[in-house]
Amino acid sequence: MMKRVFFDILLLVLMFLLPWWVVVALSIIGLFVFKNFYEFLLSSIIIYILYSPPESFGLNNSIFIYLGIIIFYLLVQYLRRHIILYKNNDAIPYKS
């Protein structure tokens, strides 16, 4: 638990100090390291607000970006359940 709090504080501070792509990479790492890493959603939205270009129409619309972030989060959670490398995986058929 303490590791997750430290990682969250570090992620929040680094959002304002490092380029956006470094924070995105750290957030994606956090998705795979911590279970139910909801902070990914919050950090992605904050990064989008900080570094996004001015509003325009089309795929750059905020709703599409937010939906993409949520879909990516759900996809990673789905993949985590089906990757054999994770412990306590319910998808392994030969688990005793």
Protein backbone atom coordinates (compact mmCIF):
# COMPACT_ATOMS: atom_id res chain seq x y z
CA MET A 1 0.00 0.00 0.00
CA MET A 2 2.80 2.40 0.87
CA LYS A 3 4.48 1.72 -2.49
CA ARG A 4 1.32 2.73 -4.31
CA VAL A 5 0.97 5.97 -2.34
CA PHE A 6 4.62 6.81 -3.01
CA PHE A 7 4.15 6.03 -6.71
CA ASP A 8 1.04 8.25 -6.84
CA ILE A 9 2.81 11.18 -5.23
CA LEU A 10 5.81 10.71 -7.52
CA LEU A 11 3.53 10.56 -10.56
CA LEU A 12 1.73 13.75 -9.52
CA VAL A 13 4.98 15.67 -9.01
CA LEU A 14 6.51 14.40 -12.24
CA MET A 15 3.45 15.54 -14.22
CA PHE A 16 4.64 19.09 -13.75
CA LEU A 17 8.38 18.49 -14.06
CA LEU A 18 8.89 16.01 -16.90
CA PRO A 19 7.63 15.79 -20.47
CA TRP A 20 4.20 14.25 -20.94
CA TRP A 21 5.48 11.09 -22.61
CA VAL A 22 7.57 10.16 -19.55
CA VAL A 23 4.52 10.45 -17.28
CA VAL A 24 2.41 8.43 -19.71
CA ALA A 25 5.06 5.69 -19.71
CA LEU A 26 5.12 5.67 -15.90
CA SER A 27 1.33 5.52 -15.79
CA ILE A 28 1.29 2.52 -18.12
CA ILE A 29 3.90 0.81 -15.96
CA GLY A 30 1.68 1.51 -12.96
CA LEU A 31 -1.21 -0.18 -14.76
CA PHE A 32 0.74 -3.42 -14.91
CA VAL A 33 2.37 -3.20 -11.48
CA PHE A 34 -0.62 -2.26 -9.31
CA LYS A 35 -4.03 -3.88 -9.20
CA ASN A 36 -6.93 -1.58 -10.20
CA PHE A 37 -4.68 1.40 -10.88
CA TYR A 38 -7.45 3.98 -11.21
CA GLU A 39 -4.89 6.75 -10.93
CA PHE A 40 -4.08 6.06 -14.58
CA LEU A 41 -7.43 7.56 -15.56
CA LEU A 42 -6.87 10.65 -13.43
CA SER A 43 -3.28 11.17 -14.55
CA SER A 44 -4.22 10.74 -18.21
CA ILE A 45 -6.97 13.32 -17.94
CA ILE A 46 -4.69 15.78 -16.14
CA ILE A 47 -1.98 15.32 -18.78
CA TYR A 48 -4.53 15.86 -21.53
CA ILE A 49 -5.74 19.06 -19.87
CA LEU A 50 -2.19 20.34 -19.40
CA TYR A 51 -0.71 19.49 -22.79
CA SER A 52 -3.61 19.36 -25.24
CA PRO A 53 -3.94 21.75 -28.15
CA PRO A 54 -6.87 24.15 -28.26
CA GLU A 55 -10.25 22.53 -28.77
CA SER A 56 -11.26 21.62 -32.26
CA PHE A 57 -13.77 19.34 -33.91
CA GLY A 58 -13.25 15.77 -35.02
CA LEU A 59 -11.10 13.21 -33.24
CA ASN A 60 -9.42 15.88 -31.15
CA ASN A 61 -12.67 16.42 -29.28
CA SER A 62 -12.38 15.86 -25.50
CA ILE A 63 -15.10 13.23 -25.38
CA PHE A 64 -13.21 10.98 -27.82
CA ILE A 65 -10.00 11.38 -25.84
CA TYR A 66 -11.71 10.50 -22.54
CA LEU A 67 -13.44 7.51 -24.11
CA GLY A 68 -10.13 6.36 -25.55
CA ILE A 69 -8.48 6.59 -22.13
CA ILE A 70 -11.27 4.57 -20.52
CA ILE A 71 -11.25 1.95 -23.28
CA PHE A 72 -7.46 1.61 -23.00
CA TYR A 73 -7.75 1.14 -19.22
CA LEU A 74 -10.45 -1.52 -19.61
CA LEU A 75 -8.43 -3.28 -22.32
CA VAL A 76 -5.35 -3.46 -20.10
CA GLN A 77 -7.44 -4.80 -17.20
CA TYR A 78 -8.88 -7.46 -19.51
CA LEU A 79 -5.42 -8.43 -20.77
CA ARG A 80 -4.07 -8.65 -17.23
CA ARG A 81 -6.62 -11.32 -16.44
CA HIS A 82 -5.48 -13.40 -19.39
CA ILE A 83 -1.71 -13.10 -19.07
CA ILE A 84 -0.18 -16.14 -17.40
CA LEU A 85 2.65 -14.15 -15.80
CA TYR A 86 0.37 -12.64 -13.15
CA LYS A 87 -0.27 -14.43 -9.88
CA ASN A 88 -3.80 -15.40 -8.83
CA ASN A 89 -4.89 -15.62 -12.43
CA ASP A 90 -8.35 -17.17 -12.73
CA ALA A 91 -7.97 -17.73 -16.48
CA ILE A 92 -5.49 -20.61 -16.10
CA PRO A 93 -7.47 -23.80 -16.75
CA TYR A 94 -5.02 -26.19 -15.04
CA LYS A 95 -4.83 -24.21 -11.79
CA SER A 96 -5.40 -26.42 -8.75
